[in-house]
Each structure stands twice: as structure tokens, then as C-alpha cells.
Amino acid sequence: MTEQAEIGIFGGTGVYDSGLLSESKEITVKTPFGKTSDSIMVGIYNGRRVAFMPRHGKKHTIPPHLINFRANIWAFKEMGVKRIIAPSAVGSLRQEMKPGDFVLPSQFIDFTKSRKYTFFEDEKVIHISVADPFCPELQNAINNAAKAINLHLHRDATYVCIEGPRFSTRAESKFYKNTIGADIIGMTLVPECQLAREAQMCYASISTVTDYDVWADKPVTAKEVLETLSKNVQTTKKMLGAMFDYIPQQRSCSCHKALEEAQF
């Protein structure tokens, strides 16, 4: 039997281990969709069984457009994970959202192009609702955790997800900011969050701003991103740890019923 866990964490850029787990062990989970991004660490934190997987691999060898999102979500589902917390690195499209700040997205706009967006390709057609793509219970836990550690958190942001692995042109960045009206920009939210919804799992993202996107007339560099993340990694882990005090034992949200009205 596969090791079981209640809560799953996808480590984003700069977060390659949770630094939280005791009694941990490393496992691999086979999936119908191929290999996961890396092996999974399973252990205990604050009395809860937790699974941790680095989204890009432990050595950051997987670019965003090649992440096997379906395998990653499936593996957590196979382990019994009910809730997923997903840190990620983003660029800012708003002057007030500064590098080093934390942002809680509540909506996304999808500009990805070539990813696998559903588990249901052969047997049935599923029209999953992502009108409100993130679990309200997990978002509430993030809000409360931020207050508990005195961390300023920008709320109700719109995340525009692009294909990558390149950064935006100036024209694209200004389009996302001024025409589309997005607040932050990244490369990993989609289809991760919608696959979690198909799997009837709760999901919430915590975004770390690493830079102003190129609308600010300063080209983004990978070096700048990594420097900001390295400064914030301990805060990210502190935030993850604080969340567990505010995640209810039982789910009262509707995430676990997502498929009930998703098919004809």
C-alpha cells in the first residue's frame, strides 16, 4: 500500500525541501501518466501527515512547460492527500507588489499553450468549474497564518500563467498589465490548480514576488529571481508551518464535490 498523507506541498522555485517534517521517509509513486517531478518526502508536522514534492525536481532540472502536472497530482491523490499547498515564484505587474512580497491569488488567466489540462481524455468529457479556482478554507488558513507571523500579504490577486520557459517581451508584459489587468505573472499555476480541482482536492497557491516584470523597463534575469527567493525561503517555510494551525481536520468546502456537476 502507498504511504498515506493528509496534506501535500508542492515546493516551488527555491523551495526544494520543506524543512518541516519529522519521521520522514522518501518514496516514489507510480502513476498512469508517467514519472512525477521527483520522489516524495512523507512525514509528520504538527501531528499531521504531510507529503512534499519539489515541482521542478530537487536540482531544478524540469522547466515549467515540461512539468508532469498530471503525474504529480495523481501521486498525491493516490496517497490520500486531500489538500494541496503550492508555493510559487512570480513576477509583479503592480508597483505596490514589490520583490520579496507575498501574494495570495484568487483568480487566474491562462496563456499556456501545450500542456495536458485534464485527466479525462478517453472515457468521458469533464467540464470542471474553476470560477473560483482556489479552496476558500485553505485561503483562509493562509490569511490567518500571515497575520500570526506578522507578514503582509497582498490578497485577491489575479495570476496570469504563461507557457515559459522564457520571460515576457515588453509588449507582452504591458498587455498582461494594462489590457488584461493581471497582478502577478508566473509559469506553473496552470494546469496544476485545475487538475487538483478535477481530483476533488483542495488547492491554494502562495506566491512570492521575485521581480517586477519587464513592463517596469528592467529586464528580468534568472539571477535576480534566485537572489530574491534565497532571501525569502525561510519566510516561506515559516508561513507553511504556521498554516497547519488553521487548517481544519475536516473539509467543509465544496472542493470534494467538484465532479458532481461536471459532466453531461
Foldseek 3Di string as FASTA:
>chain_A
DDAAFAEEEAAEVLPLDLVAFDPKDWAFDDDPQGGAQEIWIWGDHPRGIYIYHHQCHNVNPRFLLRGSLLNHLVRNVVRVYFAYEYEYEWAFLDPVQAAQAKEWEFAEAEAEDDHDQEPDDPDFDWAFDPVGLAFPLLVVLLVVLCVVVVGDYHYHFYEYAYADPDADDLVVSCCCCPVVPGTIYYHHVPPNSVHCLVSLHGYTYMYGHQYHGCPVVDHDDPVSSNVSSNVCVVVVSSSVSSSVVRRDPDDPTCSNVRRVPTHD
